[in-house]
All heavy atoms as atom14 arrays in JSON, in Angstrom:
{
  "sequence": "VTTSQLSETEVIAVAGQVGVALVRIPMHTIGTVAPSMK",
  "atom14_mask": [
    [1, 1, 1, 1, 1, 1, 1, 0, 0, 0, 0, 0, 0, 0],
    [1, 1, 1, 1, 1, 1, 1, 0, 0, 0, 0, 0, 0, 0],
    [1, 1, 1, 1, 1, 1, 1, 0, 0, 0, 0, 0, 0, 0],
    [1, 1, 1, 1, 1, 1, 0, 0, 0, 0, 0, 0, 0, 0],
    [1, 1, 1, 1, 1, 1, 1, 1, 1, 0, 0, 0, 0, 0],
    [1, 1, 1, 1, 1, 1, 1, 1, 0, 0, 0, 0, 0, 0],
    [1, 1, 1, 1, 1, 1, 0, 0, 0, 0, 0, 0, 0, 0],
    [1, 1, 1, 1, 1, 1, 1, 1, 1, 0, 0, 0, 0, 0],
    [1, 1, 1, 1, 1, 1, 1, 0, 0, 0, 0, 0, 0, 0],
    [1, 1, 1, 1, 1, 1, 1, 1, 1, 0, 0, 0, 0, 0],
    [1, 1, 1, 1, 1, 1, 1, 0, 0, 0, 0, 0, 0, 0],
    [1, 1, 1, 1, 1, 1, 1, 1, 0, 0, 0, 0, 0, 0],
    [1, 1, 1, 1, 1, 0, 0, 0, 0, 0, 0, 0, 0, 0],
    [1, 1, 1, 1, 1, 1, 1, 0, 0, 0, 0, 0, 0, 0],
    [1, 1, 1, 1, 1, 0, 0, 0, 0, 0, 0, 0, 0, 0],
    [1, 1, 1, 1, 0, 0, 0, 0, 0, 0, 0, 0, 0, 0],
    [1, 1, 1, 1, 1, 1, 1, 1, 1, 0, 0, 0, 0, 0],
    [1, 1, 1, 1, 1, 1, 1, 0, 0, 0, 0, 0, 0, 0],
    [1, 1, 1, 1, 0, 0, 0, 0, 0, 0, 0, 0, 0, 0],
    [1, 1, 1, 1, 1, 1, 1, 0, 0, 0, 0, 0, 0, 0],
    [1, 1, 1, 1, 1, 0, 0, 0, 0, 0, 0, 0, 0, 0],
    [1, 1, 1, 1, 1, 1, 1, 1, 0, 0, 0, 0, 0, 0],
    [1, 1, 1, 1, 1, 1, 1, 0, 0, 0, 0, 0, 0, 0],
    [1, 1, 1, 1, 1, 1, 1, 1, 1, 1, 1, 0, 0, 0],
    [1, 1, 1, 1, 1, 1, 1, 1, 0, 0, 0, 0, 0, 0],
    [1, 1, 1, 1, 1, 1, 1, 0, 0, 0, 0, 0, 0, 0],
    [1, 1, 1, 1, 1, 1, 1, 1, 0, 0, 0, 0, 0, 0],
    [1, 1, 1, 1, 1, 1, 1, 1, 1, 1, 0, 0, 0, 0],
    [1, 1, 1, 1, 1, 1, 1, 0, 0, 0, 0, 0, 0, 0],
    [1, 1, 1, 1, 1, 1, 1, 1, 0, 0, 0, 0, 0, 0],
    [1, 1, 1, 1, 0, 0, 0, 0, 0, 0, 0, 0, 0, 0],
    [1, 1, 1, 1, 1, 1, 1, 0, 0, 0, 0, 0, 0, 0],
    [1, 1, 1, 1, 1, 1, 1, 0, 0, 0, 0, 0, 0, 0],
    [1, 1, 1, 1, 1, 0, 0, 0, 0, 0, 0, 0, 0, 0],
    [1, 1, 1, 1, 1, 1, 1, 0, 0, 0, 0, 0, 0, 0],
    [1, 1, 1, 1, 1, 1, 0, 0, 0, 0, 0, 0, 0, 0],
    [1, 1, 1, 1, 1, 1, 1, 1, 0, 0, 0, 0, 0, 0],
    [1, 1, 1, 1, 1, 1, 1, 1, 1, 0, 0, 0, 0, 0]
  ],
  "atom14_positions": [
    [[0.87, -1.17, 0.0], [0.0, 0.0, 0.0], [0.91, 1.22, 0.0], [1.75, 1.37, 0.89], [-0.93, 0.03, 1.24], [-1.84, 1.25, 1.19], [-1.73, -1.24, 1.34], [0.0, 0.0, 0.0], [0.0, 0.0, 0.0], [0.0, 0.0, 0.0], [0.0, 0.0, 0.0], [0.0, 0.0, 0.0], [0.0, 0.0, 0.0], [0.0, 0.0, 0.0]],
    [[0.75, 2.07, -1.02], [1.63, 3.21, -1.18], [0.89, 4.35, -1.87], [-0.16, 4.14, -2.47], [2.88, 2.82, -2.01], [3.72, 3.94, -2.17], [2.49, 2.25, -3.35], [0.0, 0.0, 0.0], [0.0, 0.0, 0.0], [0.0, 0.0, 0.0], [0.0, 0.0, 0.0], [0.0, 0.0, 0.0], [0.0, 0.0, 0.0], [0.0, 0.0, 0.0]],
    [[1.43, 5.54, -1.78], [0.88, 6.67, -2.53], [1.67, 6.88, -3.81], [1.33, 7.74, -4.61], [0.91, 7.96, -1.69], [2.24, 8.2, -1.25], [-0.03, 7.85, -0.5], [0.0, 0.0, 0.0], [0.0, 0.0, 0.0], [0.0, 0.0, 0.0], [0.0, 0.0, 0.0], [0.0, 0.0, 0.0], [0.0, 0.0, 0.0], [0.0, 0.0, 0.0]],
    [[2.7, 6.09, -4.02], [3.53, 6.19, -5.23], [3.05, 5.18, -6.27], [2.6, 4.1, -5.93], [4.98, 5.88, -4.9], [5.48, 6.76, -3.93], [0.0, 0.0, 0.0], [0.0, 0.0, 0.0], [0.0, 0.0, 0.0], [0.0, 0.0, 0.0], [0.0, 0.0, 0.0], [0.0, 0.0, 0.0], [0.0, 0.0, 0.0], [0.0, 0.0, 0.0]],
    [[3.21, 5.54, -7.53], [2.93, 4.58, -8.59], [4.19, 3.75, -8.78], [5.28, 4.29, -8.94], [2.57, 5.28, -9.9], [2.17, 4.32, -10.97], [1.53, 5.02, -12.16], [1.3, 6.23, -12.13], [1.24, 4.27, -13.19], [0.0, 0.0, 0.0], [0.0, 0.0, 0.0], [0.0, 0.0, 0.0], [0.0, 0.0, 0.0], [0.0, 0.0, 0.0]],
    [[4.05, 2.44, -8.7], [5.18, 1.54, -8.79], [5.25, 0.88, -10.16], [4.22, 0.58, -10.77], [5.09, 0.45, -7.72], [5.02, 0.92, -6.26], [4.87, -0.28, -5.34], [6.23, 1.74, -5.89], [0.0, 0.0, 0.0], [0.0, 0.0, 0.0], [0.0, 0.0, 0.0], [0.0, 0.0, 0.0], [0.0, 0.0, 0.0], [0.0, 0.0, 0.0]],
    [[6.46, 0.63, -10.6], [6.69, -0.13, -11.82], [6.73, -1.6, -11.45], [7.55, -2.03, -10.63], [8.01, 0.29, -12.47], [8.44, -0.68, -13.38], [0.0, 0.0, 0.0], [0.0, 0.0, 0.0], [0.0, 0.0, 0.0], [0.0, 0.0, 0.0], [0.0, 0.0, 0.0], [0.0, 0.0, 0.0], [0.0, 0.0, 0.0], [0.0, 0.0, 0.0]],
    [[5.85, -2.38, -12.05], [5.8, -3.82, -11.76], [7.16, -4.47, -12.03], [7.63, -5.28, -11.24], [4.72, -4.47, -12.63], [4.59, -5.96, -12.41], [3.47, -6.57, -13.25], [2.61, -5.84, -13.76], [3.49, -7.8, -13.37], [0.0, 0.0, 0.0], [0.0, 0.0, 0.0], [0.0, 0.0, 0.0], [0.0, 0.0, 0.0], [0.0, 0.0, 0.0]],
    [[7.8, -4.08, -13.12], [9.1, -4.64, -13.48], [10.15, -4.34, -12.42], [10.92, -5.22, -12.04], [9.56, -4.06, -14.85], [8.54, -4.31, -15.8], [10.84, -4.7, -15.31], [0.0, 0.0, 0.0], [0.0, 0.0, 0.0], [0.0, 0.0, 0.0], [0.0, 0.0, 0.0], [0.0, 0.0, 0.0], [0.0, 0.0, 0.0], [0.0, 0.0, 0.0]],
    [[10.16, -3.1, -11.91], [11.14, -2.73, -10.89], [10.89, -3.47, -9.57], [11.83, -3.9, -8.91], [11.12, -1.22, -10.66], [11.68, -0.44, -11.82], [11.6, 1.07, -11.62], [11.23, 1.52, -10.51], [11.91, 1.8, -12.57], [0.0, 0.0, 0.0], [0.0, 0.0, 0.0], [0.0, 0.0, 0.0], [0.0, 0.0, 0.0], [0.0, 0.0, 0.0]],
    [[9.63, -3.6, -9.18], [9.29, -4.31, -7.93], [9.75, -5.76, -8.03], [10.38, -6.29, -7.11], [7.78, -4.21, -7.63], [7.4, -5.13, -6.47], [7.39, -2.78, -7.31], [0.0, 0.0, 0.0], [0.0, 0.0, 0.0], [0.0, 0.0, 0.0], [0.0, 0.0, 0.0], [0.0, 0.0, 0.0], [0.0, 0.0, 0.0], [0.0, 0.0, 0.0]],
    [[9.47, -6.41, -9.15], [9.85, -7.81, -9.34], [11.37, -7.95, -9.35], [11.92, -8.88, -8.76], [9.2, -8.37, -10.62], [7.69, -8.5, -10.39], [9.81, -9.71, -11.01], [6.88, -8.82, -11.62], [0.0, 0.0, 0.0], [0.0, 0.0, 0.0], [0.0, 0.0, 0.0], [0.0, 0.0, 0.0], [0.0, 0.0, 0.0], [0.0, 0.0, 0.0]],
    [[12.06, -7.0, -9.98], [13.53, -7.04, -10.03], [14.14, -6.86, -8.64], [15.09, -7.56, -8.27], [14.05, -5.96, -10.98], [0.0, 0.0, 0.0], [0.0, 0.0, 0.0], [0.0, 0.0, 0.0], [0.0, 0.0, 0.0], [0.0, 0.0, 0.0], [0.0, 0.0, 0.0], [0.0, 0.0, 0.0], [0.0, 0.0, 0.0], [0.0, 0.0, 0.0]],
    [[13.58, -5.95, -7.85], [14.1, -5.73, -6.5], [13.91, -6.98, -5.65], [14.8, -7.38, -4.91], [13.41, -4.5, -5.85], [13.6, -4.47, -4.35], [13.95, -3.22, -6.47], [0.0, 0.0, 0.0], [0.0, 0.0, 0.0], [0.0, 0.0, 0.0], [0.0, 0.0, 0.0], [0.0, 0.0, 0.0], [0.0, 0.0, 0.0], [0.0, 0.0, 0.0]],
    [[12.75, -7.61, -5.76], [12.5, -8.85, -5.0], [13.49, -9.93, -5.4], [13.97, -10.69, -4.56], [11.06, -9.31, -5.21], [0.0, 0.0, 0.0], [0.0, 0.0, 0.0], [0.0, 0.0, 0.0], [0.0, 0.0, 0.0], [0.0, 0.0, 0.0], [0.0, 0.0, 0.0], [0.0, 0.0, 0.0], [0.0, 0.0, 0.0], [0.0, 0.0, 0.0]],
    [[13.8, -9.98, -6.68], [14.75, -10.98, -7.17], [16.14, -10.82, -6.57], [16.89, -11.8, -6.47], [0.0, 0.0, 0.0], [0.0, 0.0, 0.0], [0.0, 0.0, 0.0], [0.0, 0.0, 0.0], [0.0, 0.0, 0.0], [0.0, 0.0, 0.0], [0.0, 0.0, 0.0], [0.0, 0.0, 0.0], [0.0, 0.0, 0.0], [0.0, 0.0, 0.0]],
    [[16.48, -9.63, -6.13], [17.79, -9.39, -5.51], [17.98, -10.2, -4.24], [19.11, -10.47, -3.84], [17.99, -7.9, -5.2], [18.11, -7.04, -6.42], [18.21, -5.57, -6.07], [18.39, -5.19, -4.91], [18.08, -4.71, -7.07], [0.0, 0.0, 0.0], [0.0, 0.0, 0.0], [0.0, 0.0, 0.0], [0.0, 0.0, 0.0], [0.0, 0.0, 0.0]],
    [[16.88, -10.56, -3.58], [16.98, -11.36, -2.36], [16.4, -12.76, -2.56], [16.05, -13.45, -1.61], [16.32, -10.66, -1.15], [17.1, -9.43, -0.74], [14.86, -10.33, -1.42], [0.0, 0.0, 0.0], [0.0, 0.0, 0.0], [0.0, 0.0, 0.0], [0.0, 0.0, 0.0], [0.0, 0.0, 0.0], [0.0, 0.0, 0.0], [0.0, 0.0, 0.0]],
    [[16.27, -13.18, -3.82], [15.83, -14.53, -4.11], [14.34, -14.77, -3.99], [13.89, -15.89, -3.79], [0.0, 0.0, 0.0], [0.0, 0.0, 0.0], [0.0, 0.0, 0.0], [0.0, 0.0, 0.0], [0.0, 0.0, 0.0], [0.0, 0.0, 0.0], [0.0, 0.0, 0.0], [0.0, 0.0, 0.0], [0.0, 0.0, 0.0], [0.0, 0.0, 0.0]],
    [[13.55, -13.7, -4.12], [12.09, -13.82, -4.04], [11.5, -13.59, -5.42], [11.82, -12.6, -6.08], [11.51, -12.81, -3.02], [9.98, -12.86, -3.02], [12.05, -13.07, -1.63], [0.0, 0.0, 0.0], [0.0, 0.0, 0.0], [0.0, 0.0, 0.0], [0.0, 0.0, 0.0], [0.0, 0.0, 0.0], [0.0, 0.0, 0.0], [0.0, 0.0, 0.0]],
    [[10.65, -14.5, -5.85], [9.95, -14.35, -7.13], [8.54, -13.83, -6.85], [7.85, -14.32, -5.96], [9.87, -15.69, -7.85], [0.0, 0.0, 0.0], [0.0, 0.0, 0.0], [0.0, 0.0, 0.0], [0.0, 0.0, 0.0], [0.0, 0.0, 0.0], [0.0, 0.0, 0.0], [0.0, 0.0, 0.0], [0.0, 0.0, 0.0], [0.0, 0.0, 0.0]],
    [[8.13, -12.82, -7.61], [6.8, -12.23, -7.46], [6.04, -12.32, -8.77], [6.62, -12.14, -9.84], [6.9, -10.76, -7.06], [7.56, -10.42, -5.73], [7.61, -8.9, -5.55], [6.82, -11.07, -4.57], [0.0, 0.0, 0.0], [0.0, 0.0, 0.0], [0.0, 0.0, 0.0], [0.0, 0.0, 0.0], [0.0, 0.0, 0.0], [0.0, 0.0, 0.0]],
    [[4.74, -12.59, -8.65], [3.85, -12.56, -9.79], [2.7, -11.65, -9.4], [2.03, -11.88, -8.38], [3.31, -13.97, -10.15], [2.28, -13.88, -11.27], [4.45, -14.9, -10.52], [0.0, 0.0, 0.0], [0.0, 0.0, 0.0], [0.0, 0.0, 0.0], [0.0, 0.0, 0.0], [0.0, 0.0, 0.0], [0.0, 0.0, 0.0], [0.0, 0.0, 0.0]],
    [[2.47, -10.61, -10.18], [1.43, -9.62, -9.86], [0.06, -10.24, -9.99], [-0.23, -10.96, -10.97], [1.56, -8.42, -10.8], [0.5, -7.35, -10.64], [0.89, -6.32, -9.6], [-0.18, -5.42, -9.28], [-0.41, -4.26, -9.86], [0.4, -3.84, -10.81], [-1.41, -3.51, -9.5], [0.0, 0.0, 0.0], [0.0, 0.0, 0.0], [0.0, 0.0, 0.0]],
    [[-0.79, -9.99, -9.02], [-2.19, -10.4, -9.06], [-3.0, -9.12, -9.23], [-3.02, -8.29, -8.33], [-2.61, -11.11, -7.75], [-1.76, -12.33, -7.5], [-4.1, -11.47, -7.8], [-1.97, -12.96, -6.13], [0.0, 0.0, 0.0], [0.0, 0.0, 0.0], [0.0, 0.0, 0.0], [0.0, 0.0, 0.0], [0.0, 0.0, 0.0], [0.0, 0.0, 0.0]],
    [[-3.62, -8.93, -10.38], [-4.42, -7.71, -10.58], [-5.53, -7.64, -9.53], [-6.23, -8.62, -9.28], [-5.0, -7.87, -11.99], [-4.09, -8.86, -12.65], [-3.61, -9.77, -11.56], [0.0, 0.0, 0.0], [0.0, 0.0, 0.0], [0.0, 0.0, 0.0], [0.0, 0.0, 0.0], [0.0, 0.0, 0.0], [0.0, 0.0, 0.0], [0.0, 0.0, 0.0]],
    [[-5.66, -6.48, -8.91], [-6.64, -6.32, -7.83], [-8.07, -6.51, -8.32], [-8.92, -6.95, -7.57], [-6.51, -4.94, -7.17], [-5.2, -4.76, -6.42], [-5.01, -5.85, -5.01], [-6.03, -5.03, -3.82], [0.0, 0.0, 0.0], [0.0, 0.0, 0.0], [0.0, 0.0, 0.0], [0.0, 0.0, 0.0], [0.0, 0.0, 0.0], [0.0, 0.0, 0.0]],
    [[-8.36, -6.23, -9.57], [-9.73, -6.36, -10.05], [-10.14, -7.82, -10.26], [-11.3, -8.1, -10.47], [-9.93, -5.57, -11.35], [-9.17, -6.1, -12.51], [-7.87, -5.74, -12.76], [-9.51, -6.98, -13.48], [-7.44, -6.38, -13.84], [-8.41, -7.13, -14.3], [0.0, 0.0, 0.0], [0.0, 0.0, 0.0], [0.0, 0.0, 0.0], [0.0, 0.0, 0.0]],
    [[-9.19, -8.74, -10.16], [-9.54, -10.15, -10.36], [-10.02, -10.83, -9.08], [-10.45, -11.96, -9.12], [-8.34, -10.96, -10.92], [-7.28, -10.91, -9.97], [-7.89, -10.41, -12.25], [0.0, 0.0, 0.0], [0.0, 0.0, 0.0], [0.0, 0.0, 0.0], [0.0, 0.0, 0.0], [0.0, 0.0, 0.0], [0.0, 0.0, 0.0], [0.0, 0.0, 0.0]],
    [[-9.93, -10.13, -7.97], [-10.4, -10.71, -6.71], [-11.5, -9.83, -6.15], [-11.45, -8.61, -6.28], [-9.25, -10.88, -5.69], [-8.51, -9.57, -5.47], [-8.28, -11.95, -6.13], [-7.45, -9.63, -4.41], [0.0, 0.0, 0.0], [0.0, 0.0, 0.0], [0.0, 0.0, 0.0], [0.0, 0.0, 0.0], [0.0, 0.0, 0.0], [0.0, 0.0, 0.0]],
    [[-12.49, -10.47, -5.55], [-13.62, -9.71, -5.02], [-13.24, -8.86, -3.83], [-13.49, -7.67, -3.8], [0.0, 0.0, 0.0], [0.0, 0.0, 0.0], [0.0, 0.0, 0.0], [0.0, 0.0, 0.0], [0.0, 0.0, 0.0], [0.0, 0.0, 0.0], [0.0, 0.0, 0.0], [0.0, 0.0, 0.0], [0.0, 0.0, 0.0], [0.0, 0.0, 0.0]],
    [[-12.63, -9.47, -2.85], [-12.21, -8.73, -1.67], [-10.88, -9.29, -1.22], [-10.53, -10.43, -1.5], [-13.22, -8.89, -0.5], [-13.35, -10.28, -0.21], [-14.56, -8.29, -0.84], [0.0, 0.0, 0.0], [0.0, 0.0, 0.0], [0.0, 0.0, 0.0], [0.0, 0.0, 0.0], [0.0, 0.0, 0.0], [0.0, 0.0, 0.0], [0.0, 0.0, 0.0]],
    [[-10.16, -8.46, -0.51], [-8.87, -8.91, 0.05], [-9.18, -9.55, 1.39], [-9.99, -9.06, 2.17], [-7.93, -7.7, 0.22], [-6.62, -8.14, 0.87], [-7.64, -7.05, -1.12], [0.0, 0.0, 0.0], [0.0, 0.0, 0.0], [0.0, 0.0, 0.0], [0.0, 0.0, 0.0], [0.0, 0.0, 0.0], [0.0, 0.0, 0.0], [0.0, 0.0, 0.0]],
    [[-8.54, -10.67, 1.64], [-8.76, -11.39, 2.9], [-8.48, -10.47, 4.07], [-7.58, -9.64, 4.02], [-7.84, -12.6, 2.96], [0.0, 0.0, 0.0], [0.0, 0.0, 0.0], [0.0, 0.0, 0.0], [0.0, 0.0, 0.0], [0.0, 0.0, 0.0], [0.0, 0.0, 0.0], [0.0, 0.0, 0.0], [0.0, 0.0, 0.0], [0.0, 0.0, 0.0]],
    [[-9.23, -10.58, 5.17], [-9.04, -9.71, 6.33], [-7.59, -9.7, 6.84], [-7.13, -8.7, 7.33], [-10.0, -10.29, 7.39], [-11.01, -11.03, 6.6], [-10.32, -11.52, 5.37], [0.0, 0.0, 0.0], [0.0, 0.0, 0.0], [0.0, 0.0, 0.0], [0.0, 0.0, 0.0], [0.0, 0.0, 0.0], [0.0, 0.0, 0.0], [0.0, 0.0, 0.0]],
    [[-6.88, -10.8, 6.71], [-5.5, -10.84, 7.21], [-4.58, -9.97, 6.37], [-3.48, -9.66, 6.79], [-4.98, -12.28, 7.21], [-4.96, -12.78, 5.89], [0.0, 0.0, 0.0], [0.0, 0.0, 0.0], [0.0, 0.0, 0.0], [0.0, 0.0, 0.0], [0.0, 0.0, 0.0], [0.0, 0.0, 0.0], [0.0, 0.0, 0.0], [0.0, 0.0, 0.0]],
    [[-5.02, -9.57, 5.19], [-4.2, -8.75, 4.3], [-4.46, -7.25, 4.48], [-3.82, -6.44, 3.89], [-4.46, -9.12, 2.83], [-4.02, -10.52, 2.48], [-2.25, -10.74, 2.64], [-1.67, -9.73, 1.32], [0.0, 0.0, 0.0], [0.0, 0.0, 0.0], [0.0, 0.0, 0.0], [0.0, 0.0, 0.0], [0.0, 0.0, 0.0], [0.0, 0.0, 0.0]],
    [[-5.44, -6.88, 5.28], [-5.76, -5.46, 5.45], [-4.78, -4.8, 6.36], [-4.14, -5.33, 7.15], [-7.17, -5.29, 6.0], [-8.2, -5.65, 4.95], [-9.57, -5.36, 5.44], [-10.59, -5.68, 4.39], [-11.92, -5.44, 4.82], [0.0, 0.0, 0.0], [0.0, 0.0, 0.0], [0.0, 0.0, 0.0], [0.0, 0.0, 0.0], [0.0, 0.0, 0.0]]
  ]
}
């Protein structure tokens, strides 16, 4: 959650620096975010 617009490519690249792979999940594809994610 941020007020900045993020580049998906940059976020994925930064995560890769520590061995984490990320796949973007478009927010419009899910009805609601699970309460644990709020």
